[in-house]
């Protein structure tokens, strides 16, 4: 079954493509399906991760006629009342960079003790085709470090230390991150639901 990933974020698309291909799915990135960029960005106007994920998947499935997978992910920091949450990608402004977001986050947490810097990454991944809609969630608990650590990953990865590993996502290999990450958990749960609904084979070749 061919599935299109409903994002133009290159880093996210690679993670999703890697995880989905392990299930035996034929997966295409949006840039492959629409190489000239004719499909506009889908505005994330939902009030939750699930709403935003469905907005993207439904739109891309309708335009392309292909089954679509999308996710919405955010970082919730307890000391900031759950911020940045659904605004994680644009925390420092509409045209901000990953570095801008990290700098703002560390500035907001300046002077806050380690035991109060608890946070979690949440991903809601969804699948949409003409007849079926499925969703799954992945959560990873962690702590926001006082400064960036590691050189891998993207987004908030250099300042999110996974509780069980005492390492930031940016200090993990791609394989390690996919195994333990919020996105990995959400996609594996979604794949299980796809199998339960007969949409992909139980034992892909």
C-alpha atoms as a PDB file:
ATOM      1  CA  UNK A   1       0.000   0.000   0.000  1.00  0.00           C
ATOM      2  CA  UNK A   2       1.378   3.410  -0.975  1.00  0.00           C
ATOM      3  CA  UNK A   3       1.157   6.086   1.701  1.00  0.00           C
ATOM      4  CA  UNK A   4       2.098   9.752   1.379  1.00  0.00           C
ATOM      5  CA  UNK A   5       3.573  11.572   4.361  1.00  0.00           C
ATOM      6  CA  UNK A   6       1.784  14.871   4.874  1.00  0.00           C
ATOM      7  CA  UNK A   7       4.689  17.149   5.727  1.00  0.00           C
ATOM      8  CA  UNK A   8       7.351  19.200   3.989  1.00  0.00           C
ATOM      9  CA  UNK A   9       9.530  19.202   7.108  1.00  0.00           C
ATOM     10  CA  UNK A  10      12.485  17.201   5.814  1.00  0.00           C
ATOM     11  CA  UNK A  11      13.663  15.959   9.216  1.00  0.00           C
ATOM     12  CA  UNK A  12      10.199  14.811  10.246  1.00  0.00           C
ATOM     13  CA  UNK A  13       9.554  13.208   6.852  1.00  0.00           C
ATOM     14  CA  UNK A  14      12.739  11.135   7.081  1.00  0.00           C
ATOM     15  CA  UNK A  15      11.834   9.874  10.567  1.00  0.00           C
ATOM     16  CA  UNK A  16       8.291   8.985   9.528  1.00  0.00           C
ATOM     17  CA  UNK A  17       9.430   7.342   6.303  1.00  0.00           C
ATOM     18  CA  UNK A  18      12.014   5.214   8.114  1.00  0.00           C
ATOM     19  CA  UNK A  19       9.531   4.056  10.745  1.00  0.00           C
ATOM     20  CA  UNK A  20       6.725   3.292   8.269  1.00  0.00           C
ATOM     21  CA  UNK A  21       8.952   1.404   5.842  1.00  0.00           C
ATOM     22  CA  UNK A  22       9.806  -1.047   8.620  1.00  0.00           C
ATOM     23  CA  UNK A  23       6.155  -2.142   8.446  1.00  0.00           C
ATOM     24  CA  UNK A  24       6.441  -2.989   4.762  1.00  0.00           C
ATOM     25  CA  UNK A  25       4.584   0.098   3.545  1.00  0.00           C
ATOM     26  CA  UNK A  26       5.441   1.816   0.274  1.00  0.00           C
ATOM     27  CA  UNK A  27       5.979   5.340   1.555  1.00  0.00           C
ATOM     28  CA  UNK A  28       6.395   8.547  -0.422  1.00  0.00           C
ATOM     29  CA  UNK A  29       7.285  11.965   0.937  1.00  0.00           C
ATOM     30  CA  UNK A  30       5.103  14.899  -0.065  1.00  0.00           C
ATOM     31  CA  UNK A  31       7.995  16.420  -2.023  1.00  0.00           C
ATOM     32  CA  UNK A  32       8.118  13.263  -4.162  1.00  0.00           C
ATOM     33  CA  UNK A  33       4.389  13.328  -4.877  1.00  0.00           C
ATOM     34  CA  UNK A  34       4.377  17.105  -5.427  1.00  0.00           C
ATOM     35  CA  UNK A  35       7.940  18.010  -6.504  1.00  0.00           C
ATOM     36  CA  UNK A  36       6.974  21.468  -7.764  1.00  0.00           C
ATOM     37  CA  UNK A  37       5.337  22.521  -4.499  1.00  0.00           C
ATOM     38  CA  UNK A  38       1.868  23.034  -5.937  1.00  0.00           C
ATOM     39  CA  UNK A  39       0.189  21.741  -2.781  1.00  0.00           C
ATOM     40  CA  UNK A  40       0.130  24.587  -0.224  1.00  0.00           C
ATOM     41  CA  UNK A  41       1.180  24.207   3.390  1.00  0.00           C
ATOM     42  CA  UNK A  42      -1.698  23.125   5.607  1.00  0.00           C
ATOM     43  CA  UNK A  43      -2.342  25.658   8.366  1.00  0.00           C
ATOM     44  CA  UNK A  44      -2.265  24.132  11.833  1.00  0.00           C
ATOM     45  CA  UNK A  45      -5.354  25.833  13.215  1.00  0.00           C
ATOM     46  CA  UNK A  46      -6.485  23.001  15.497  1.00  0.00           C
ATOM     47  CA  UNK A  47      -6.739  23.252  19.276  1.00  0.00           C
ATOM     48  CA  UNK A  48      -4.904  19.964  19.904  1.00  0.00           C
ATOM     49  CA  UNK A  49      -2.159  17.774  18.467  1.00  0.00           C
ATOM     50  CA  UNK A  50      -4.787  15.358  17.139  1.00  0.00           C
ATOM     51  CA  UNK A  51      -6.791  18.085  15.407  1.00  0.00           C
ATOM     52  CA  UNK A  52      -3.687  19.462  13.698  1.00  0.00           C
ATOM     53  CA  UNK A  53      -2.550  16.016  12.576  1.00  0.00           C
ATOM     54  CA  UNK A  54      -5.956  15.250  11.083  1.00  0.00           C
ATOM     55  CA  UNK A  55      -6.070  18.633   9.323  1.00  0.00           C
ATOM     56  CA  UNK A  56      -2.839  17.776   7.512  1.00  0.00           C
ATOM     57  CA  UNK A  57      -3.641  14.139   6.727  1.00  0.00           C
ATOM     58  CA  UNK A  58      -7.188  14.798   5.518  1.00  0.00           C
ATOM     59  CA  UNK A  59      -6.080  17.656   3.274  1.00  0.00           C
ATOM     60  CA  UNK A  60      -3.229  15.735   1.645  1.00  0.00           C
ATOM     61  CA  UNK A  61      -5.304  12.566   1.249  1.00  0.00           C
ATOM     62  CA  UNK A  62      -8.054  14.549  -0.478  1.00  0.00           C
ATOM     63  CA  UNK A  63      -5.685  16.396  -2.827  1.00  0.00           C
ATOM     64  CA  UNK A  64      -3.489  13.429  -3.776  1.00  0.00           C
ATOM     65  CA  UNK A  65      -6.093  10.659  -3.629  1.00  0.00           C
ATOM     66  CA  UNK A  66      -3.593   8.592  -1.645  1.00  0.00           C
ATOM     67  CA  UNK A  67      -3.750   7.317   1.938  1.00  0.00           C
ATOM     68  CA  UNK A  68      -1.930   9.818   4.126  1.00  0.00           C
ATOM     69  CA  UNK A  69      -0.060   9.764   7.409  1.00  0.00           C
ATOM     70  CA  UNK A  70       0.590  12.928   9.403  1.00  0.00           C
ATOM     71  CA  UNK A  71       1.662  13.754  12.891  1.00  0.00           C
ATOM     72  CA  UNK A  72       1.651  16.727  15.174  1.00  0.00           C
ATOM     73  CA  UNK A  73       4.238  16.944  17.884  1.00  0.00           C
ATOM     74  CA  UNK A  74       4.883  19.286  20.742  1.00  0.00           C
ATOM     75  CA  UNK A  75       6.967  19.834  23.839  1.00  0.00           C
ATOM     76  CA  UNK A  76       5.172  20.437  27.131  1.00  0.00           C
ATOM     77  CA  UNK A  77       7.247  21.988  29.923  1.00  0.00           C
ATOM     78  CA  UNK A  78       5.718  21.794  33.395  1.00  0.00           C
ATOM     79  CA  UNK A  79       7.363  24.956  34.731  1.00  0.00           C
ATOM     80  CA  UNK A  80       5.863  26.873  31.800  1.00  0.00           C
ATOM     81  CA  UNK A  81       2.340  25.603  32.355  1.00  0.00           C
ATOM     82  CA  UNK A  82       2.579  23.153  29.454  1.00  0.00           C
ATOM     83  CA  UNK A  83       4.049  25.626  26.953  1.00  0.00           C
ATOM     84  CA  UNK A  84       5.075  25.650  24.186  1.00  0.00           C
ATOM     85  CA  UNK A  85       2.642  22.760  23.502  1.00  0.00           C
ATOM     86  CA  UNK A  86       0.877  22.952  20.141  1.00  0.00           C
ATOM     87  CA  UNK A  87       2.869  26.106  19.371  1.00  0.00           C
ATOM     88  CA  UNK A  88       6.235  24.335  19.714  1.00  0.00           C
ATOM     89  CA  UNK A  89       7.253  24.756  16.059  1.00  0.00           C
ATOM     90  CA  UNK A  90       6.634  28.504  16.145  1.00  0.00           C
ATOM     91  CA  UNK A  91       7.389  29.256  19.788  1.00  0.00           C
ATOM     92  CA  UNK A  92       9.751  32.111  18.938  1.00  0.00           C
ATOM     93  CA  UNK A  93       7.617  33.476  16.092  1.00  0.00           C
ATOM     94  CA  UNK A  94       6.156  32.493  12.729  1.00  0.00           C
ATOM     95  CA  UNK A  95       9.447  32.476  10.797  1.00  0.00           C
ATOM     96  CA  UNK A  96      11.669  31.253  13.610  1.00  0.00           C
ATOM     97  CA  UNK A  97      14.452  28.666  13.335  1.00  0.00           C
ATOM     98  CA  UNK A  98      15.034  25.636  15.538  1.00  0.00           C
ATOM     99  CA  UNK A  99      17.793  27.623  17.258  1.00  0.00           C
ATOM    100  CA  UNK A 100      15.420  30.534  17.934  1.00  0.00           C
ATOM    101  CA  UNK A 101      12.975  28.210  19.679  1.00  0.00           C
ATOM    102  CA  UNK A 102      15.679  26.609  21.808  1.00  0.00           C
ATOM    103  CA  UNK A 103      17.076  30.002  22.836  1.00  0.00           C
ATOM    104  CA  UNK A 104      13.628  31.238  23.870  1.00  0.00           C
ATOM    105  CA  UNK A 105      12.930  28.051  25.815  1.00  0.00           C
ATOM    106  CA  UNK A 106      16.223  28.234  27.727  1.00  0.00           C
ATOM    107  CA  UNK A 107      15.654  31.928  28.413  1.00  0.00           C
ATOM    108  CA  UNK A 108      12.185  31.227  29.829  1.00  0.00           C
ATOM    109  CA  UNK A 109      13.676  28.537  32.101  1.00  0.00           C
ATOM    110  CA  UNK A 110      16.657  30.617  33.229  1.00  0.00           C
ATOM    111  CA  UNK A 111      17.234  30.186  36.960  1.00  0.00           C
ATOM    112  CA  UNK A 112      14.790  27.285  37.303  1.00  0.00           C
ATOM    113  CA  UNK A 113      16.268  24.271  39.133  1.00  0.00           C
ATOM    114  CA  UNK A 114      16.761  20.941  37.368  1.00  0.00           C
ATOM    115  CA  UNK A 115      14.055  19.183  39.391  1.00  0.00           C
ATOM    116  CA  UNK A 116      11.522  21.734  38.103  1.00  0.00           C
ATOM    117  CA  UNK A 117      12.560  21.472  34.438  1.00  0.00           C
ATOM    118  CA  UNK A 118      10.481  18.359  33.781  1.00  0.00           C
ATOM    119  CA  UNK A 119       8.914  18.086  30.350  1.00  0.00           C
ATOM    120  CA  UNK A 120       7.476  15.649  27.857  1.00  0.00           C
ATOM    121  CA  UNK A 121       7.366  15.243  24.102  1.00  0.00           C
ATOM    122  CA  UNK A 122       3.975  14.235  22.713  1.00  0.00           C
ATOM    123  CA  UNK A 123       3.230  12.994  19.205  1.00  0.00           C
ATOM    124  CA  UNK A 124      -0.181  12.178  17.780  1.00  0.00           C
ATOM    125  CA  UNK A 125       0.114  10.279  14.497  1.00  0.00           C
ATOM    126  CA  UNK A 126      -2.898   9.732  12.235  1.00  0.00           C
ATOM    127  CA  UNK A 127      -3.784   7.748   9.131  1.00  0.00           C
ATOM    128  CA  UNK A 128      -6.473   8.850   6.676  1.00  0.00           C
ATOM    129  CA  UNK A 129      -7.819   7.213   3.530  1.00  0.00           C
ATOM    130  CA  UNK A 130     -11.198   7.407   1.778  1.00  0.00           C
ATOM    131  CA  UNK A 131     -12.841   5.071   4.293  1.00  0.00           C
ATOM    132  CA  UNK A 132     -10.700   4.920   7.432  1.00  0.00           C
ATOM    133  CA  UNK A 133      -9.257   7.275  10.016  1.00  0.00           C
ATOM    134  CA  UNK A 134      -6.953   6.068  12.805  1.00  0.00           C
ATOM    135  CA  UNK A 135      -4.884   7.860  15.446  1.00  0.00           C
ATOM    136  CA  UNK A 136      -2.217   6.911  17.980  1.00  0.00           C
ATOM    137  CA  UNK A 137      -0.194   8.760  20.615  1.00  0.00           C
ATOM    138  CA  UNK A 138       3.386   8.530  21.834  1.00  0.00           C
ATOM    139  CA  UNK A 139       4.766  10.245  24.954  1.00  0.00           C
ATOM    140  CA  UNK A 140       8.304  10.444  26.351  1.00  0.00           C
ATOM    141  CA  UNK A 141       9.139  12.039  29.696  1.00  0.00           C
ATOM    142  CA  UNK A 142      12.295  14.076  30.124  1.00  0.00           C
ATOM    143  CA  UNK A 143      14.056  17.127  31.529  1.00  0.00           C
ATOM    144  CA  UNK A 144      15.126  20.332  29.787  1.00  0.00           C
ATOM    145  CA  UNK A 145      18.898  20.751  30.076  1.00  0.00           C
ATOM    146  CA  UNK A 146      20.524  24.080  30.902  1.00  0.00           C
ATOM    147  CA  UNK A 147      22.381  24.169  27.585  1.00  0.00           C
ATOM    148  CA  UNK A 148      22.340  22.217  24.291  1.00  0.00           C
ATOM    149  CA  UNK A 149      24.035  18.817  24.377  1.00  0.00           C
ATOM    150  CA  UNK A 150      24.880  16.697  21.323  1.00  0.00           C
ATOM    151  CA  UNK A 151      24.915  17.348  17.604  1.00  0.00           C
ATOM    152  CA  UNK A 152      22.174  15.118  16.147  1.00  0.00           C
ATOM    153  CA  UNK A 153      18.432  15.420  15.738  1.00  0.00           C
ATOM    154  CA  UNK A 154      16.538  18.643  15.166  1.00  0.00           C
ATOM    155  CA  UNK A 155      14.195  21.039  16.937  1.00  0.00           C
ATOM    156  CA  UNK A 156      14.401  20.808  20.717  1.00  0.00           C
ATOM    157  CA  UNK A 157      16.425  17.565  20.604  1.00  0.00           C
ATOM    158  CA  UNK A 158      19.649  19.135  21.988  1.00  0.00           C
ATOM    159  CA  UNK A 159      17.919  20.283  25.197  1.00  0.00           C
ATOM    160  CA  UNK A 160      15.536  17.372  25.841  1.00  0.00           C
ATOM    161  CA  UNK A 161      17.152  14.755  28.068  1.00  0.00           C
ATOM    162  CA  UNK A 162      15.298  11.430  28.138  1.00  0.00           C
ATOM    163  CA  UNK A 163      14.699  10.405  31.764  1.00  0.00           C
ATOM    164  CA  UNK A 164      15.473   6.721  31.269  1.00  0.00           C
ATOM    165  CA  UNK A 165      18.691   7.371  29.327  1.00  0.00           C
ATOM    166  CA  UNK A 166      20.161  10.554  30.840  1.00  0.00           C
ATOM    167  CA  UNK A 167      21.006  11.687  27.307  1.00  0.00           C
ATOM    168  CA  UNK A 168      19.458  14.273  25.040  1.00  0.00           C
ATOM    169  CA  UNK A 169      17.860  13.154  21.793  1.00  0.00           C
ATOM    170  CA  UNK A 170      20.719  14.947  20.023  1.00  0.00           C
ATOM    171  CA  UNK A 171      23.219  12.609  21.716  1.00  0.00           C
ATOM    172  CA  UNK A 172      21.483   9.486  20.390  1.00  0.00           C
ATOM    173  CA  UNK A 173      22.005   7.782  17.044  1.00  0.00           C
ATOM    174  CA  UNK A 174      19.087   7.858  14.616  1.00  0.00           C
ATOM    175  CA  UNK A 175      18.407   4.193  15.395  1.00  0.00           C
ATOM    176  CA  UNK A 176      18.420   4.816  19.157  1.00  0.00           C
ATOM    177  CA  UNK A 177      16.156   7.825  18.827  1.00  0.00           C
ATOM    178  CA  UNK A 178      13.641   5.995  16.635  1.00  0.00           C
ATOM    179  CA  UNK A 179      13.537   3.171  19.171  1.00  0.00           C
ATOM    180  CA  UNK A 180      12.727   5.330  22.202  1.00  0.00           C
ATOM    181  CA  UNK A 181      11.208   8.539  20.837  1.00  0.00           C
ATOM    182  CA  UNK A 182       7.662   9.870  21.102  1.00  0.00           C
ATOM    183  CA  UNK A 183       7.324   9.755  17.316  1.00  0.00           C
ATOM    184  CA  UNK A 184       8.592   6.184  17.203  1.00  0.00           C
ATOM    185  CA  UNK A 185       6.085   5.121  19.859  1.00  0.00           C
ATOM    186  CA  UNK A 186       3.198   6.836  18.056  1.00  0.00           C
ATOM    187  CA  UNK A 187       4.035   5.348  14.649  1.00  0.00           C
ATOM    188  CA  UNK A 188       4.513   1.825  16.029  1.00  0.00           C
ATOM    189  CA  UNK A 189       1.130   2.106  17.740  1.00  0.00           C
ATOM    190  CA  UNK A 190      -0.423   3.393  14.500  1.00  0.00           C
ATOM    191  CA  UNK A 191       1.124   0.523  12.530  1.00  0.00           C
ATOM    192  CA  UNK A 192      -0.411  -1.939  14.992  1.00  0.00           C
ATOM    193  CA  UNK A 193      -3.832  -0.390  14.365  1.00  0.00           C
ATOM    194  CA  UNK A 194      -3.278  -0.531  10.594  1.00  0.00           C
ATOM    195  CA  UNK A 195      -2.570  -4.245  10.896  1.00  0.00           C
ATOM    196  CA  UNK A 196      -5.579  -4.820  13.141  1.00  0.00           C
ATOM    197  CA  UNK A 197      -7.747  -3.143  10.498  1.00  0.00           C
ATOM    198  CA  UNK A 198      -6.268  -5.230   7.690  1.00  0.00           C
ATOM    199  CA  UNK A 199      -4.696  -2.233   5.982  1.00  0.00           C
ATOM    200  CA  UNK A 200      -1.174  -3.680   6.012  1.00  0.00           C
ATOM    201  CA  UNK A 201       0.054  -7.260   6.244  1.00  0.00           C
ATOM    202  CA  UNK A 202       0.794  -8.867   9.617  1.00  0.00           C
ATOM    203  CA  UNK A 203       4.101 -10.198   8.377  1.00  0.00           C
ATOM    204  CA  UNK A 204       5.479  -7.842   5.733  1.00  0.00           C
ATOM    205  CA  UNK A 205       8.154  -9.266   3.467  1.00  0.00           C
END
